[in-house]
Amino acid sequence: MGDIPNLLPNYEVKKNEGQYILKYVAPPSYKGSAMLFMKGPLLENTCGNPEKIAEKIFYSKDKKPIMAPKQVHGVKILEPSPSMYLPYRPEGDGVIIDRVGILGSLRFADCFPIIIQGLRPKPWIAIAHSGFKGTLKNIAKALIEKIIDKFDIQGAEDIIGWIGPGICKNCYYRVKDEPLTEEAMKLFPEEHWRVENDRVFFDIAGAIKKQLCDLGLSSQAVKIIDLCSSCNNDLLYSYRQGDVEDRNFLLCSLGD
C-alpha cells in the first residue's frame, strides 16, 4: 500500500496553445501515465479518428505502437500484440498496458473513462470505456477480472483509479419505459438513479465506483473527476451537446 493513504489519485487540467489536457496524477511509486486530450486544435475536425489524432499529437517523430480499438460499448479487454496496433482496430472497450513503449488509447463524448493502475507483480496501467451500456454490462468488472487473471493478483489493495470526466447525474437521462432503462433501475443501486416524470436520471460515475469497490478497490483510492462533459462543453466534447463526430482522446502508457 505504501503511499496510497497520503497520496491519493488526483488530476490537473492545463491549457497549452488552446488545447485542454487533463492529466491523471498518481502517487510517485506508480509508473503509469495517462492524460485526456479535451477540446482544442489537436482534436478539431479529426472525427474521432485515432490515426488522425495521433498524427496531430505526435507528428512524425514518435513511432510507438498505439492500441486504438473500435469501441462497441462491450466488455472486451485487449492486450498488446502486433495485431492490436494501428492501423489495425479490433473491437474492444478496454486496454491493458504492461510494458514500456506501447501506447493505449480510447475516445469519449459523454461516456466515462476508467483508468486504473497497479504495482503487482510489476507496474501496469489499464483503461476502459464505460458509458450507460458499458456500465450496465459492468465493464469495470471485466477489466478487474482480466487483470487479476493476467497477473495472478490475490487482492486489489494497491490498485488506484480514476473515473471520468463524463456526463453528470443531472444531465444524463433515459426514457422511463425503455427496456434498458428498466434493466438499469433493477441492477444499479437506488442511490444512483432517480425518476422525474417520464425520465430516469442516472449517476453513471457513482455506479462505476460502486462496481470497482465491490471488486475490492478502496473507496479512497478511486477518484471521480467532477467535470461534466455536457455542463462543460467548452472544455469537453459532448455527444448530447451536438458533438456527433469529434471525441475526447485518452492516452496511456508506462513511463512518461
Protein backbone atom coordinates (compact mmCIF):
# COMPACT_ATOMS: atom_id res chain seq x y z
CA MET A 1 0.00 0.00 0.00
CA GLY A 2 2.89 2.37 0.79
CA ASP A 3 1.97 5.96 -0.02
CA ILE A 4 -1.69 5.45 -1.02
CA PRO A 5 -3.26 6.86 2.19
CA ASN A 6 -1.26 10.08 1.89
CA LEU A 7 -1.08 10.49 -1.88
CA LEU A 8 -4.48 9.69 -3.35
CA PRO A 9 -5.26 9.76 -7.07
CA ASN A 10 -5.78 13.32 -8.30
CA TYR A 11 -5.86 15.26 -11.55
CA GLU A 12 -4.96 18.58 -13.10
CA VAL A 13 -6.17 20.44 -16.18
CA LYS A 14 -3.86 22.57 -18.31
CA LYS A 15 -4.29 24.60 -21.47
CA ASN A 16 -1.43 24.74 -23.96
CA GLU A 17 -1.81 26.78 -27.15
CA GLY A 18 -5.57 26.42 -26.99
CA GLN A 19 -5.50 22.67 -26.27
CA TYR A 20 -7.04 21.48 -22.99
CA ILE A 21 -5.33 18.46 -21.44
CA LEU A 22 -6.32 16.64 -18.25
CA LYS A 23 -3.54 14.73 -16.56
CA TYR A 24 -4.34 11.88 -14.17
CA VAL A 25 -1.91 12.31 -11.26
CA ALA A 26 -0.78 9.11 -9.48
CA PRO A 27 1.47 8.66 -6.44
CA PRO A 28 5.18 8.65 -7.43
CA SER A 29 5.60 4.90 -6.96
CA TYR A 30 3.15 4.20 -9.79
CA LYS A 31 4.78 4.08 -13.20
CA GLY A 32 1.76 4.59 -15.43
CA SER A 33 0.94 7.82 -17.21
CA ALA A 34 -2.46 8.86 -18.54
CA MET A 35 -3.89 12.05 -20.00
CA LEU A 36 -7.12 13.09 -21.65
CA PHE A 37 -6.91 15.44 -24.61
CA MET A 38 -10.06 17.53 -24.46
CA LYS A 39 -11.30 20.31 -26.75
CA GLY A 40 -8.66 22.04 -28.79
CA PRO A 41 -6.78 22.23 -32.10
CA LEU A 42 -5.23 18.76 -31.77
CA LEU A 43 -8.68 17.13 -31.91
CA GLU A 44 -10.74 19.51 -34.01
CA ASN A 45 -12.05 18.01 -37.25
CA THR A 46 -10.46 14.61 -36.60
CA CYS A 47 -13.91 12.96 -36.31
CA GLY A 48 -12.54 10.78 -33.51
CA ASN A 49 -10.18 9.02 -35.93
CA PRO A 50 -7.27 7.79 -33.77
CA GLU A 51 -4.80 7.79 -36.67
CA LYS A 52 -5.55 11.44 -37.44
CA ILE A 53 -5.37 12.34 -33.75
CA ALA A 54 -2.05 10.52 -33.29
CA GLU A 55 -0.58 12.31 -36.29
CA LYS A 56 -1.53 15.68 -34.82
CA ILE A 57 -0.27 14.85 -31.31
CA PHE A 58 2.99 13.12 -32.23
CA TYR A 59 3.68 14.49 -35.72
CA SER A 60 6.20 12.15 -37.38
CA LYS A 61 8.75 11.89 -34.57
CA ASP A 62 7.03 9.28 -32.41
CA LYS A 63 6.64 5.83 -33.91
CA LYS A 64 5.48 3.96 -30.81
CA PRO A 65 2.79 1.33 -31.41
CA ILE A 66 -0.67 2.58 -30.46
CA MET A 67 -3.66 0.47 -29.48
CA ALA A 68 -6.90 2.16 -30.55
CA PRO A 69 -9.71 -0.40 -30.60
CA LYS A 70 -13.02 0.04 -32.36
CA GLN A 71 -15.32 0.75 -29.42
CA VAL A 72 -18.65 -1.07 -29.40
CA HIS A 73 -19.99 -0.48 -25.85
CA GLY A 74 -19.00 -4.00 -24.89
CA VAL A 75 -16.75 -5.60 -22.29
CA LYS A 76 -13.85 -6.97 -24.35
CA ILE A 77 -10.42 -6.11 -22.94
CA LEU A 78 -7.39 -6.13 -25.27
CA GLU A 79 -3.71 -6.75 -24.54
CA PRO A 80 -0.67 -5.57 -26.52
CA SER A 81 0.29 -7.55 -29.64
CA PRO A 82 1.20 -6.54 -33.22
CA SER A 83 -2.31 -7.43 -34.42
CA MET A 84 -3.75 -4.86 -31.98
CA TYR A 85 -1.71 -1.81 -33.09
CA LEU A 86 -2.78 0.85 -35.56
CA PRO A 87 -3.67 0.64 -38.37
CA TYR A 88 -5.44 -2.49 -37.04
CA ARG A 89 -8.51 -1.72 -34.93
CA PRO A 90 -10.05 -4.85 -33.41
CA GLU A 91 -13.26 -4.42 -31.43
CA GLY A 92 -12.83 -3.74 -27.73
CA ASP A 93 -13.61 -1.25 -24.98
CA GLY A 94 -10.66 -1.77 -22.68
CA VAL A 95 -6.85 -1.87 -22.95
CA ILE A 96 -4.17 -3.23 -20.61
CA ILE A 97 -0.59 -1.93 -20.93
CA ASP A 98 2.13 -3.88 -19.07
CA ARG A 99 5.25 -2.92 -20.98
CA VAL A 100 7.12 0.27 -21.82
CA GLY A 101 6.93 1.59 -25.37
CA ILE A 102 3.26 0.76 -26.09
CA LEU A 103 0.51 3.38 -26.04
CA GLY A 104 -3.14 2.64 -25.26
CA SER A 105 -5.97 4.92 -26.32
CA LEU A 106 -9.76 5.28 -26.22
CA ARG A 107 -12.23 8.00 -27.27
CA PHE A 108 -15.14 9.60 -25.39
CA ALA A 109 -18.00 12.09 -25.76
CA ASP A 110 -20.12 11.77 -22.56
CA CYS A 111 -19.15 8.17 -21.72
CA PHE A 112 -16.74 7.70 -18.82
CA PRO A 113 -13.05 6.83 -18.94
CA ILE A 114 -11.92 4.32 -16.32
CA ILE A 115 -8.19 4.44 -15.57
CA ILE A 116 -6.61 2.03 -13.08
CA GLN A 117 -3.00 1.35 -12.10
CA GLY A 118 -1.25 -1.28 -10.02
CA LEU A 119 2.21 -2.31 -8.83
CA ARG A 120 1.99 -6.10 -8.64
CA PRO A 121 3.62 -8.25 -9.89
CA LYS A 122 5.03 -5.40 -11.98
CA PRO A 123 3.71 -1.93 -12.85
CA TRP A 124 0.74 -1.84 -15.23
CA ILE A 125 -1.98 0.56 -16.35
CA ALA A 126 -5.38 -0.18 -17.85
CA ILE A 127 -8.18 1.92 -19.34
CA ALA A 128 -11.80 1.29 -20.27
CA HIS A 129 -14.74 3.00 -21.97
CA SER A 130 -17.85 2.84 -19.76
CA GLY A 131 -20.99 4.63 -20.89
CA PHE A 132 -24.51 3.65 -19.90
CA LYS A 133 -24.39 0.36 -21.81
CA GLY A 134 -20.85 -0.49 -20.70
CA THR A 135 -21.73 0.23 -17.08
CA LEU A 136 -24.87 -1.88 -17.41
CA LYS A 137 -22.70 -4.73 -18.72
CA ASN A 138 -20.14 -3.97 -15.95
CA ILE A 139 -17.00 -3.45 -17.99
CA ALA A 140 -15.32 -2.39 -14.74
CA LYS A 141 -15.69 -5.96 -13.51
CA ALA A 142 -14.44 -7.37 -16.81
CA LEU A 143 -11.37 -5.13 -16.59
CA ILE A 144 -10.51 -6.04 -12.99
CA GLU A 145 -11.11 -9.75 -13.54
CA LYS A 146 -8.89 -9.68 -16.64
CA ILE A 147 -6.12 -8.02 -14.63
CA ILE A 148 -6.47 -10.44 -11.71
CA ASP A 149 -6.32 -13.40 -14.09
CA LYS A 150 -3.42 -11.99 -16.13
CA PHE A 151 -1.21 -11.09 -13.17
CA ASP A 152 -2.49 -13.67 -10.69
CA ILE A 153 -3.28 -10.92 -8.18
CA GLN A 154 -4.79 -12.05 -4.88
CA GLY A 155 -6.23 -8.67 -3.87
CA ALA A 156 -6.82 -5.13 -5.07
CA GLU A 157 -5.19 -3.31 -2.15
CA ASP A 158 -2.64 -1.40 -4.22
CA ILE A 159 -4.88 -0.65 -7.21
CA ILE A 160 -5.77 3.02 -7.68
CA GLY A 161 -8.14 4.52 -10.21
CA TRP A 162 -9.99 7.45 -11.74
CA ILE A 163 -13.47 7.74 -13.23
CA GLY A 164 -14.30 10.50 -15.70
CA PRO A 165 -14.79 13.08 -16.92
CA GLY A 166 -18.21 12.17 -18.32
CA ILE A 167 -21.83 13.27 -18.31
CA CYS A 168 -23.15 14.03 -14.82
CA LYS A 169 -26.20 12.69 -12.97
CA ASN A 170 -28.11 15.92 -13.58
CA CYS A 171 -27.64 15.76 -17.36
CA TYR A 172 -27.86 12.08 -18.31
CA TYR A 173 -31.37 10.67 -18.54
CA ARG A 174 -33.26 8.00 -20.42
CA VAL A 175 -36.95 7.47 -21.14
CA LYS A 176 -38.53 5.59 -18.24
CA ASP A 177 -40.30 2.80 -20.14
CA GLU A 178 -37.35 1.72 -22.31
CA PRO A 179 -36.21 -1.88 -21.67
CA LEU A 180 -32.59 -0.87 -20.95
CA THR A 181 -33.77 1.84 -18.57
CA GLU A 182 -35.87 -0.65 -16.65
CA GLU A 183 -32.97 -3.12 -16.56
CA ALA A 184 -30.63 -0.45 -15.19
CA MET A 185 -33.13 0.51 -12.49
CA LYS A 186 -33.05 -3.11 -11.34
CA LEU A 187 -29.25 -3.54 -11.49
CA PHE A 188 -27.98 -0.16 -10.26
CA PRO A 189 -28.38 0.73 -6.56
CA GLU A 190 -31.27 3.15 -5.99
CA GLU A 191 -28.88 5.93 -4.91
CA HIS A 192 -27.52 6.00 -8.48
CA TRP A 193 -30.75 6.85 -10.28
CA ARG A 194 -33.85 8.98 -9.79
CA VAL A 195 -37.19 9.32 -11.60
CA GLU A 196 -38.59 12.64 -12.76
CA ASN A 197 -41.87 12.31 -14.66
CA ASP A 198 -41.15 10.11 -17.70
CA ARG A 199 -37.36 10.42 -17.35
CA VAL A 200 -34.84 8.47 -15.30
CA PHE A 201 -31.59 10.26 -14.45
CA PHE A 202 -28.53 8.05 -13.90
CA ASP A 203 -25.38 8.64 -11.86
CA ILE A 204 -23.08 6.63 -14.10
CA ALA A 205 -19.89 7.66 -12.31
CA GLY A 206 -21.31 6.61 -8.95
CA ALA A 207 -22.42 3.26 -10.35
CA ILE A 208 -18.95 2.62 -11.80
CA LYS A 209 -17.28 3.44 -8.48
CA LYS A 210 -19.64 1.04 -6.69
CA GLN A 211 -18.70 -1.68 -9.19
CA LEU A 212 -14.97 -1.10 -8.62
CA CYS A 213 -15.32 -1.05 -4.83
CA ASP A 214 -17.38 -4.24 -4.92
CA LEU A 215 -14.32 -5.84 -6.53
CA GLY A 216 -12.05 -4.82 -3.66
CA LEU A 217 -10.75 -1.39 -4.60
CA SER A 218 -10.61 1.08 -1.73
CA SER A 219 -13.16 3.88 -1.98
CA GLN A 220 -10.40 6.36 -1.05
CA ALA A 221 -8.21 5.09 -3.89
CA VAL A 222 -10.81 5.75 -6.61
CA LYS A 223 -11.19 9.37 -7.72
CA ILE A 224 -14.33 10.57 -9.51
CA ILE A 225 -13.40 13.59 -11.61
CA ASP A 226 -16.16 16.12 -11.12
CA LEU A 227 -16.22 17.56 -14.63
CA CYS A 228 -19.40 17.01 -16.63
CA SER A 229 -18.87 16.80 -20.37
CA SER A 230 -22.33 18.26 -21.00
CA CYS A 231 -22.10 21.10 -18.46
CA ASN A 232 -18.55 21.92 -19.56
CA ASN A 233 -18.96 21.70 -23.31
CA ASP A 234 -16.40 24.49 -23.67
CA LEU A 235 -13.79 22.05 -22.27
CA LEU A 236 -15.04 18.65 -23.37
CA TYR A 237 -16.72 17.11 -26.37
CA SER A 238 -20.27 16.02 -25.58
CA TYR A 239 -22.48 13.95 -27.86
CA ARG A 240 -25.59 15.28 -26.16
CA GLN A 241 -24.42 18.83 -26.79
CA GLY A 242 -24.06 18.17 -30.51
CA ASP A 243 -20.51 16.84 -30.86
CA VAL A 244 -21.51 13.96 -33.11
CA GLU A 245 -18.05 13.17 -34.50
CA ASP A 246 -15.16 14.73 -32.55
CA ARG A 247 -14.07 12.93 -29.39
CA ASN A 248 -12.01 13.44 -26.23
CA PHE A 249 -8.90 11.29 -26.58
CA LEU A 250 -7.48 9.23 -23.68
CA LEU A 251 -3.85 8.17 -23.98
CA CYS A 252 -1.94 5.98 -21.52
CA SER A 253 1.46 4.31 -21.24
CA LEU A 254 4.01 3.04 -18.78
CA GLY A 255 6.64 5.64 -18.05
CA ASP A 256 6.47 9.20 -19.34
